[in-house]
C-alpha atoms as a PDB file:
ATOM      1  CA  MET A   1      91.717   5.570 127.603  1.00  0.00           C
ATOM      2  CA  GLY A   2      89.133   5.063 130.475  1.00  0.00           C
ATOM      3  CA  CYS A   3      86.240   5.441 127.715  1.00  0.00           C
ATOM      4  CA  ARG A   4      84.619   1.598 127.633  1.00  0.00           C
ATOM      5  CA  GLY A   5      80.873   1.341 127.466  1.00  0.00           C
ATOM      6  CA  CYS A   6      80.802   5.479 127.485  1.00  0.00           C
ATOM      7  CA  GLU A   7      78.198   7.239 125.978  1.00  0.00           C
ATOM      8  CA  LEU A   8      79.289  10.225 124.066  1.00  0.00           C
ATOM      9  CA  SER A   9      76.583  13.130 121.821  1.00  0.00           C
ATOM     10  CA  VAL A  10      78.243  14.689 118.672  1.00  0.00           C
ATOM     11  CA  LEU A  11      76.430  17.771 117.753  1.00  0.00           C
ATOM     12  CA  LEU A  12      77.541  18.828 114.026  1.00  0.00           C
ATOM     13  CA  VAL A  13      75.946  22.846 113.872  1.00  0.00           C
ATOM     14  CA  ASP A  14      76.610  25.757 112.298  1.00  0.00           C
ATOM     15  CA  ASP A  15      78.120  28.810 112.656  1.00  0.00           C
ATOM     16  CA  PRO A  16      75.777  31.052 114.213  1.00  0.00           C
ATOM     17  CA  GLN A  17      75.102  27.921 116.854  1.00  0.00           C
ATOM     18  CA  ILE A  18      78.340  27.509 118.394  1.00  0.00           C
ATOM     19  CA  ARG A  19      79.024  31.167 117.891  1.00  0.00           C
ATOM     20  CA  GLN A  20      75.554  31.272 120.239  1.00  0.00           C
ATOM     21  CA  MET A  21      76.983  28.467 122.690  1.00  0.00           C
ATOM     22  CA  ASN A  22      80.966  29.572 123.034  1.00  0.00           C
ATOM     23  CA  ARG A  23      79.173  33.124 124.207  1.00  0.00           C
ATOM     24  CA  SER A  24      77.173  31.779 126.761  1.00  0.00           C
ATOM     25  CA  TYR A  25      79.279  29.298 127.787  1.00  0.00           C
ATOM     26  CA  ARG A  26      83.009  30.529 127.535  1.00  0.00           C
ATOM     27  CA  GLY A  27      82.034  33.855 127.642  1.00  0.00           C
ATOM     28  CA  ILE A  28      83.606  34.550 123.901  1.00  0.00           C
ATOM     29  CA  ASP A  29      81.422  35.955 121.327  1.00  0.00           C
ATOM     30  CA  ARG A  30      82.705  34.304 117.969  1.00  0.00           C
ATOM     31  CA  PRO A  31      82.140  30.728 115.828  1.00  0.00           C
ATOM     32  CA  THR A  32      84.466  28.431 117.378  1.00  0.00           C
ATOM     33  CA  ASN A  33      85.000  25.122 115.080  1.00  0.00           C
ATOM     34  CA  VAL A  34      84.699  22.845 118.404  1.00  0.00           C
ATOM     35  CA  LEU A  35      83.255  22.720 122.023  1.00  0.00           C
ATOM     36  CA  ALA A  36      83.372  19.561 124.276  1.00  0.00           C
ATOM     37  CA  PHE A  37      80.855  19.595 127.484  1.00  0.00           C
ATOM     38  CA  GLY A  38      81.193  17.290 130.038  1.00  0.00           C
ATOM     39  CA  MET A  39      78.489  15.833 132.125  1.00  0.00           C
ATOM     40  CA  GLY A  40      80.176  15.421 135.346  1.00  0.00           C
ATOM     41  CA  GLN A  41      82.449  12.632 137.390  1.00  0.00           C
ATOM     42  CA  GLY A  42      81.695   8.999 138.604  1.00  0.00           C
ATOM     43  CA  THR A  43      80.074   5.871 138.249  1.00  0.00           C
ATOM     44  CA  PRO A  44      77.106   5.678 137.106  1.00  0.00           C
ATOM     45  CA  ALA A  45      75.073   2.474 138.692  1.00  0.00           C
ATOM     46  CA  GLY A  46      73.753   0.048 137.530  1.00  0.00           C
ATOM     47  CA  GLU A  47      74.433  -1.231 133.682  1.00  0.00           C
ATOM     48  CA  GLN A  48      73.956   2.538 132.029  1.00  0.00           C
ATOM     49  CA  PRO A  49      76.443   3.859 130.236  1.00  0.00           C
ATOM     50  CA  ARG A  50      78.812   6.439 131.871  1.00  0.00           C
ATOM     51  CA  VAL A  51      78.272   9.648 130.060  1.00  0.00           C
ATOM     52  CA  LEU A  52      80.579  11.769 128.473  1.00  0.00           C
ATOM     53  CA  GLY A  53      79.093  14.994 127.954  1.00  0.00           C
ATOM     54  CA  ASP A  54      78.811  16.627 123.764  1.00  0.00           C
ATOM     55  CA  VAL A  55      80.889  17.220 121.355  1.00  0.00           C
ATOM     56  CA  ALA A  56      79.701  20.324 119.524  1.00  0.00           C
ATOM     57  CA  VAL A  57      80.918  21.067 115.537  1.00  0.00           C
ATOM     58  CA  SER A  58      80.780  23.960 113.173  1.00  0.00           C
ATOM     59  CA  VAL A  59      80.139  22.166 110.205  1.00  0.00           C
ATOM     60  CA  GLU A  60      80.971  25.817 108.638  1.00  0.00           C
ATOM     61  CA  THR A  61      83.979  26.624 109.984  1.00  0.00           C
ATOM     62  CA  ALA A  62      85.380  23.282 109.212  1.00  0.00           C
ATOM     63  CA  SER A  63      84.886  23.931 105.760  1.00  0.00           C
ATOM     64  CA  ARG A  64      85.691  27.332 106.065  1.00  0.00           C
ATOM     65  CA  GLU A  65      89.720  25.981 107.750  1.00  0.00           C
ATOM     66  CA  CYS A  66      89.607  23.178 104.894  1.00  0.00           C
ATOM     67  CA  SER A  67      89.134  25.741 102.022  1.00  0.00           C
ATOM     68  CA  GLN A  68      92.173  27.753 103.598  1.00  0.00           C
ATOM     69  CA  TRP A  69      94.250  24.617 104.075  1.00  0.00           C
ATOM     70  CA  GLY A  70      92.957  22.479 101.654  1.00  0.00           C
ATOM     71  CA  HIS A  71      91.845  19.677 103.253  1.00  0.00           C
ATOM     72  CA  ARG A  72      89.040  17.673 102.932  1.00  0.00           C
ATOM     73  CA  VAL A  73      85.990  18.489 105.295  1.00  0.00           C
ATOM     74  CA  GLN A  74      84.433  14.733 106.116  1.00  0.00           C
ATOM     75  CA  PRO A  75      88.182  13.971 107.897  1.00  0.00           C
ATOM     76  CA  HIS A  76      88.804  16.855 109.770  1.00  0.00           C
ATOM     77  CA  VAL A  77      84.849  17.175 110.505  1.00  0.00           C
ATOM     78  CA  LEU A  78      86.448  13.604 112.593  1.00  0.00           C
ATOM     79  CA  TYR A  79      89.504  14.929 113.689  1.00  0.00           C
ATOM     80  CA  LEU A  80      87.510  18.135 115.517  1.00  0.00           C
ATOM     81  CA  ALA A  81      85.083  15.286 117.468  1.00  0.00           C
ATOM     82  CA  LEU A  82      88.126  13.346 118.431  1.00  0.00           C
ATOM     83  CA  HIS A  83      89.753  16.783 119.817  1.00  0.00           C
ATOM     84  CA  GLY A  84      86.809  17.211 121.588  1.00  0.00           C
ATOM     85  CA  LEU A  85      86.401  13.472 122.723  1.00  0.00           C
ATOM     86  CA  LEU A  86      89.746  14.057 124.495  1.00  0.00           C
ATOM     87  CA  HIS A  87      88.921  16.879 126.398  1.00  0.00           C
ATOM     88  CA  LEU A  88      86.578  15.397 127.451  1.00  0.00           C
ATOM     89  CA  LEU A  89      88.821  12.418 128.713  1.00  0.00           C
ATOM     90  CA  GLY A  90      90.599  14.802 130.439  1.00  0.00           C
ATOM     91  CA  TYR A  91      93.211  15.487 127.429  1.00  0.00           C
ATOM     92  CA  ASP A  92      94.252  19.570 127.570  1.00  0.00           C
ATOM     93  CA  ASP A  93      96.087  21.402 124.657  1.00  0.00           C
ATOM     94  CA  GLU A  94      96.838  24.888 126.192  1.00  0.00           C
ATOM     95  CA  GLY A  95      98.501  25.913 128.663  1.00  0.00           C
ATOM     96  CA  SER A  96     101.346  23.725 128.345  1.00  0.00           C
ATOM     97  CA  VAL A  97     103.478  22.350 125.175  1.00  0.00           C
ATOM     98  CA  ARG A  98     104.127  18.776 126.389  1.00  0.00           C
ATOM     99  CA  ARG A  99     100.466  18.571 127.501  1.00  0.00           C
ATOM    100  CA  ALA A 100      99.555  19.856 123.657  1.00  0.00           C
ATOM    101  CA  ARG A 101     102.188  17.673 122.325  1.00  0.00           C
ATOM    102  CA  GLN A 102     100.747  14.040 124.641  1.00  0.00           C
ATOM    103  CA  MET A 103      97.292  15.572 123.233  1.00  0.00           C
ATOM    104  CA  ASN A 104      98.024  15.536 119.583  1.00  0.00           C
ATOM    105  CA  ALA A 105     100.169  11.883 119.569  1.00  0.00           C
ATOM    106  CA  VAL A 106      96.969  11.126 120.910  1.00  0.00           C
ATOM    107  CA  LEU A 107      94.587  12.881 118.932  1.00  0.00           C
ATOM    108  CA  GLU A 108      96.801  11.176 115.640  1.00  0.00           C
ATOM    109  CA  GLU A 109      97.342   7.757 117.090  1.00  0.00           C
ATOM    110  CA  LEU A 110      92.808   7.986 117.204  1.00  0.00           C
ATOM    111  CA  PHE A 111      92.928   9.208 113.955  1.00  0.00           C
ATOM    112  CA  LEU A 112      94.874   6.529 112.164  1.00  0.00           C
ATOM    113  CA  ALA A 113      92.991   3.709 114.111  1.00  0.00           C
ATOM    114  CA  CYS A 114      89.810   5.647 112.598  1.00  0.00           C
ATOM    115  CA  GLY A 115      91.506   4.942 109.209  1.00  0.00           C
ATOM    116  CA  CYS A 116      92.161   7.895 108.367  1.00  0.00           C
ATOM    117  CA  ALA A 117      95.689   9.966 108.571  1.00  0.00           C
ATOM    118  CA  GLN A 118      97.059  13.576 108.896  1.00  0.00           C
ATOM    119  CA  GLY A 119      97.246  13.263 105.273  1.00  0.00           C
ATOM    120  CA  SER A 120      94.163  12.422 104.180  1.00  0.00           C
ATOM    121  CA  LEU A 121      92.820  15.872 105.430  1.00  0.00           C
END
């Protein structure tokens, strides 16, 4: 997947925080469940890890989604964080059904590798 020795920050935030990020960086004035912010391209010099970027997950939005869908919060937050990670690795689930299917297949594989299954949400 191209992320061996990489660094990733995961921020767990509330709706006002993610709404402000969504407004500032995407021009969308509402909360969302996850945002991913890449930190650039290239290979770092020396032994420093490559910094992939930041993933922000709104636990408040995730909790609300879980209430609506009957899911558990902790695995759903992990699922959203993995979704953001895949965006940082270059996967895209918007604009193409084929790309969305590919990303969702990899996401499910990662989720299973973490000891979770779609049914555990």
